[in-house]
Amino acid sequence: MEGTPRTHDSDVMQFCIIAIETAARKMGIPAEEMTRRLEAQGLIEGRLCKYYDTLHTQSANYVADDIIETLNNYEHDNER
């Protein structure tokens, strides 16, 4: 049985899903909330997708910690 062929876009999408779910789990929040917060800061496209080539070589925990720290920094900066 053959599946859908892998593409760069599908790899990026899968990476983003894993990163968001892992980060949400670490923060104890639903993935939907994490997605909303990341989108509000432009971090899905501006961080996860933009730096996919580098980030996908790291562990899921590393990427989750990175995106959590980045999200917290962006949200804190935007509160000012």
N, C-alpha and C. Protein backbone atom coordinates (compact mmCIF):
# COMPACT_ATOMS: atom_id res chain seq x y z
N MET A 1 0.84 -1.17 0.00
CA MET A 1 0.00 0.00 0.00
C MET A 1 0.89 1.24 0.00
N GLU A 2 0.68 2.11 -0.95
CA GLU A 2 1.49 3.30 -1.05
C GLU A 2 0.77 4.48 -0.42
N GLY A 3 1.55 5.32 0.28
CA GLY A 3 0.99 6.51 0.88
C GLY A 3 1.26 7.72 0.00
N THR A 4 0.90 8.85 0.52
CA THR A 4 1.16 10.10 -0.17
C THR A 4 2.66 10.35 -0.17
N PRO A 5 3.22 10.73 -1.32
CA PRO A 5 4.66 10.98 -1.36
C PRO A 5 5.05 12.15 -0.44
N ARG A 6 6.22 12.01 0.18
CA ARG A 6 6.73 13.07 1.04
C ARG A 6 7.21 14.23 0.18
N THR A 7 6.95 15.41 0.67
CA THR A 7 7.46 16.62 0.05
C THR A 7 8.11 17.47 1.14
N HIS A 8 8.85 18.46 0.73
CA HIS A 8 9.46 19.37 1.70
C HIS A 8 8.36 20.03 2.55
N ASP A 9 7.29 20.46 1.89
CA ASP A 9 6.18 21.12 2.61
C ASP A 9 5.53 20.19 3.63
N SER A 10 5.35 18.92 3.26
CA SER A 10 4.74 17.99 4.20
C SER A 10 5.69 17.69 5.38
N ASP A 11 6.99 17.67 5.10
CA ASP A 11 7.97 17.48 6.17
C ASP A 11 7.94 18.66 7.14
N VAL A 12 7.87 19.88 6.60
CA VAL A 12 7.82 21.08 7.44
C VAL A 12 6.54 21.07 8.28
N MET A 13 5.43 20.73 7.66
CA MET A 13 4.14 20.69 8.37
C MET A 13 4.20 19.68 9.52
N GLN A 14 4.72 18.49 9.25
CA GLN A 14 4.82 17.47 10.30
C GLN A 14 5.74 17.94 11.42
N PHE A 15 6.85 18.57 11.07
CA PHE A 15 7.78 19.11 12.06
C PHE A 15 7.08 20.13 12.96
N CYS A 16 6.33 21.05 12.35
CA CYS A 16 5.63 22.08 13.11
C CYS A 16 4.61 21.47 14.06
N ILE A 17 3.88 20.48 13.60
CA ILE A 17 2.89 19.81 14.44
C ILE A 17 3.56 19.18 15.65
N ILE A 18 4.64 18.46 15.42
CA ILE A 18 5.36 17.81 16.53
C ILE A 18 5.90 18.85 17.50
N ALA A 19 6.48 19.93 16.97
CA ALA A 19 7.04 20.98 17.83
C ALA A 19 5.96 21.62 18.67
N ILE A 20 4.83 21.94 18.06
CA ILE A 20 3.73 22.60 18.78
C ILE A 20 3.15 21.67 19.84
N GLU A 21 2.91 20.42 19.49
CA GLU A 21 2.35 19.48 20.46
C GLU A 21 3.31 19.22 21.62
N THR A 22 4.59 19.10 21.33
CA THR A 22 5.57 18.86 22.39
C THR A 22 5.68 20.07 23.31
N ALA A 23 5.72 21.27 22.74
CA ALA A 23 5.80 22.48 23.55
C ALA A 23 4.53 22.66 24.40
N ALA A 24 3.38 22.40 23.80
CA ALA A 24 2.12 22.52 24.55
C ALA A 24 2.10 21.55 25.73
N ARG A 25 2.53 20.33 25.48
CA ARG A 25 2.57 19.33 26.55
C ARG A 25 3.50 19.79 27.67
N LYS A 26 4.67 20.34 27.33
CA LYS A 26 5.62 20.82 28.34
C LYS A 26 5.03 21.97 29.15
N MET A 27 4.21 22.81 28.50
CA MET A 27 3.61 23.94 29.20
C MET A 27 2.30 23.58 29.90
N GLY A 28 1.79 22.39 29.63
CA GLY A 28 0.55 21.95 30.26
C GLY A 28 -0.67 22.66 29.71
N ILE A 29 -0.62 23.00 28.42
CA ILE A 29 -1.75 23.67 27.78
C ILE A 29 -2.16 22.89 26.54
N PRO A 30 -3.40 23.10 26.06
CA PRO A 30 -3.82 22.41 24.84
C PRO A 30 -3.02 22.89 23.62
N ALA A 31 -2.83 22.01 22.67
CA ALA A 31 -2.10 22.36 21.44
C ALA A 31 -2.78 23.51 20.71
N GLU A 32 -4.10 23.58 20.80
CA GLU A 32 -4.83 24.68 20.14
C GLU A 32 -4.44 26.03 20.72
N GLU A 33 -4.28 26.09 22.04
CA GLU A 33 -3.86 27.34 22.68
C GLU A 33 -2.44 27.70 22.28
N MET A 34 -1.57 26.70 22.25
CA MET A 34 -0.18 26.95 21.84
C MET A 34 -0.15 27.47 20.41
N THR A 35 -0.94 26.86 19.54
CA THR A 35 -1.00 27.30 18.14
C THR A 35 -1.47 28.74 18.06
N ARG A 36 -2.52 29.07 18.79
CA ARG A 36 -3.06 30.43 18.78
C ARG A 36 -2.01 31.44 19.25
N ARG A 37 -1.31 31.10 20.32
CA ARG A 37 -0.30 32.02 20.86
C ARG A 37 0.88 32.18 19.91
N LEU A 38 1.32 31.07 19.31
CA LEU A 38 2.42 31.15 18.35
C LEU A 38 2.01 31.96 17.12
N GLU A 39 0.80 31.75 16.62
CA GLU A 39 0.31 32.50 15.47
C GLU A 39 0.22 33.98 15.79
N ALA A 40 -0.23 34.33 16.98
CA ALA A 40 -0.37 35.73 17.37
C ALA A 40 0.98 36.45 17.35
N GLN A 41 2.05 35.71 17.59
CA GLN A 41 3.39 36.29 17.59
C GLN A 41 4.13 36.08 16.27
N GLY A 42 3.48 35.40 15.34
CA GLY A 42 4.10 35.14 14.04
C GLY A 42 5.22 34.12 14.09
N LEU A 43 5.18 33.25 15.09
CA LEU A 43 6.31 32.33 15.30
C LEU A 43 6.21 31.01 14.56
N ILE A 44 5.05 30.66 14.07
CA ILE A 44 4.98 29.42 13.29
C ILE A 44 5.73 29.62 11.98
N GLU A 45 5.35 30.66 11.25
CA GLU A 45 6.05 30.97 10.00
C GLU A 45 7.43 31.56 10.27
N GLY A 46 7.50 32.49 11.22
CA GLY A 46 8.73 33.25 11.43
C GLY A 46 9.82 32.54 12.19
N ARG A 47 9.51 31.42 12.81
CA ARG A 47 10.53 30.68 13.56
C ARG A 47 10.56 29.21 13.13
N LEU A 48 9.46 28.51 13.33
CA LEU A 48 9.46 27.07 13.05
C LEU A 48 9.66 26.78 11.57
N CYS A 49 8.90 27.43 10.71
CA CYS A 49 9.03 27.19 9.26
C CYS A 49 10.31 27.81 8.71
N LYS A 50 10.57 29.05 9.09
CA LYS A 50 11.73 29.76 8.55
C LYS A 50 13.05 29.05 8.87
N TYR A 51 13.16 28.50 10.06
CA TYR A 51 14.40 27.86 10.48
C TYR A 51 14.29 26.33 10.52
N TYR A 52 13.37 25.80 9.77
CA TYR A 52 13.17 24.34 9.70
C TYR A 52 14.47 23.62 9.40
N ASP A 53 15.23 24.10 8.41
CA ASP A 53 16.44 23.39 8.00
C ASP A 53 17.42 23.18 9.15
N THR A 54 17.48 24.12 10.07
CA THR A 54 18.34 23.98 11.23
C THR A 54 17.64 23.25 12.37
N LEU A 55 16.42 23.68 12.68
CA LEU A 55 15.73 23.14 13.85
C LEU A 55 15.38 21.66 13.73
N HIS A 56 15.07 21.19 12.51
CA HIS A 56 14.63 19.79 12.40
C HIS A 56 15.76 18.80 12.70
N THR A 57 16.99 19.30 12.81
CA THR A 57 18.11 18.42 13.14
C THR A 57 18.25 18.24 14.65
N GLN A 58 17.46 18.99 15.41
CA GLN A 58 17.52 18.93 16.88
C GLN A 58 16.43 18.00 17.41
N SER A 59 16.52 17.66 18.68
CA SER A 59 15.50 16.80 19.29
C SER A 59 14.20 17.58 19.47
N ALA A 60 13.11 16.84 19.58
CA ALA A 60 11.81 17.45 19.80
C ALA A 60 11.81 18.27 21.09
N ASN A 61 12.48 17.79 22.13
CA ASN A 61 12.55 18.52 23.39
C ASN A 61 13.33 19.82 23.25
N TYR A 62 14.42 19.80 22.50
CA TYR A 62 15.20 21.02 22.27
C TYR A 62 14.35 22.06 21.55
N VAL A 63 13.67 21.63 20.49
CA VAL A 63 12.84 22.56 19.70
C VAL A 63 11.70 23.09 20.56
N ALA A 64 11.09 22.23 21.37
CA ALA A 64 10.00 22.67 22.24
C ALA A 64 10.50 23.71 23.23
N ASP A 65 11.64 23.45 23.85
CA ASP A 65 12.20 24.41 24.80
C ASP A 65 12.52 25.74 24.11
N ASP A 66 13.07 25.65 22.89
CA ASP A 66 13.41 26.85 22.12
C ASP A 66 12.16 27.67 21.80
N ILE A 67 11.12 27.01 21.35
CA ILE A 67 9.93 27.75 20.95
C ILE A 67 9.18 28.30 22.17
N ILE A 68 9.23 27.60 23.29
CA ILE A 68 8.62 28.11 24.53
C ILE A 68 9.36 29.36 24.99
N GLU A 69 10.67 29.30 25.00
CA GLU A 69 11.47 30.47 25.42
C GLU A 69 11.23 31.65 24.48
N THR A 70 11.21 31.37 23.19
CA THR A 70 10.98 32.43 22.21
C THR A 70 9.58 33.03 22.39
N LEU A 71 8.58 32.18 22.55
CA LEU A 71 7.21 32.65 22.75
C LEU A 71 7.12 33.53 23.99
N ASN A 72 7.68 33.06 25.09
CA ASN A 72 7.64 33.84 26.33
C ASN A 72 8.32 35.19 26.15
N ASN A 73 9.45 35.22 25.46
CA ASN A 73 10.15 36.49 25.21
C ASN A 73 9.32 37.43 24.35
N TYR A 74 8.73 36.91 23.29
CA TYR A 74 7.91 37.74 22.40
C TYR A 74 6.69 38.28 23.15
N GLU A 75 6.01 37.41 23.90
CA GLU A 75 4.83 37.87 24.64
C GLU A 75 5.21 38.92 25.68
N HIS A 76 6.32 38.70 26.36
CA HIS A 76 6.78 39.66 27.37
C HIS A 76 7.12 41.00 26.72
N ASP A 77 7.83 40.97 25.59
CA ASP A 77 8.19 42.20 24.89
C ASP A 77 6.97 42.95 24.39
N ASN A 78 5.94 42.23 24.00
CA ASN A 78 4.74 42.87 23.47
C ASN A 78 3.82 43.40 24.56
N GLU A 79 4.08 43.04 25.80
CA GLU A 79 3.29 43.57 26.93
C GLU A 79 3.70 44.99 27.26
N ARG A 80 4.89 45.38 26.85
CA ARG A 80 5.42 46.70 27.21
C ARG A 80 4.74 47.78 26.45
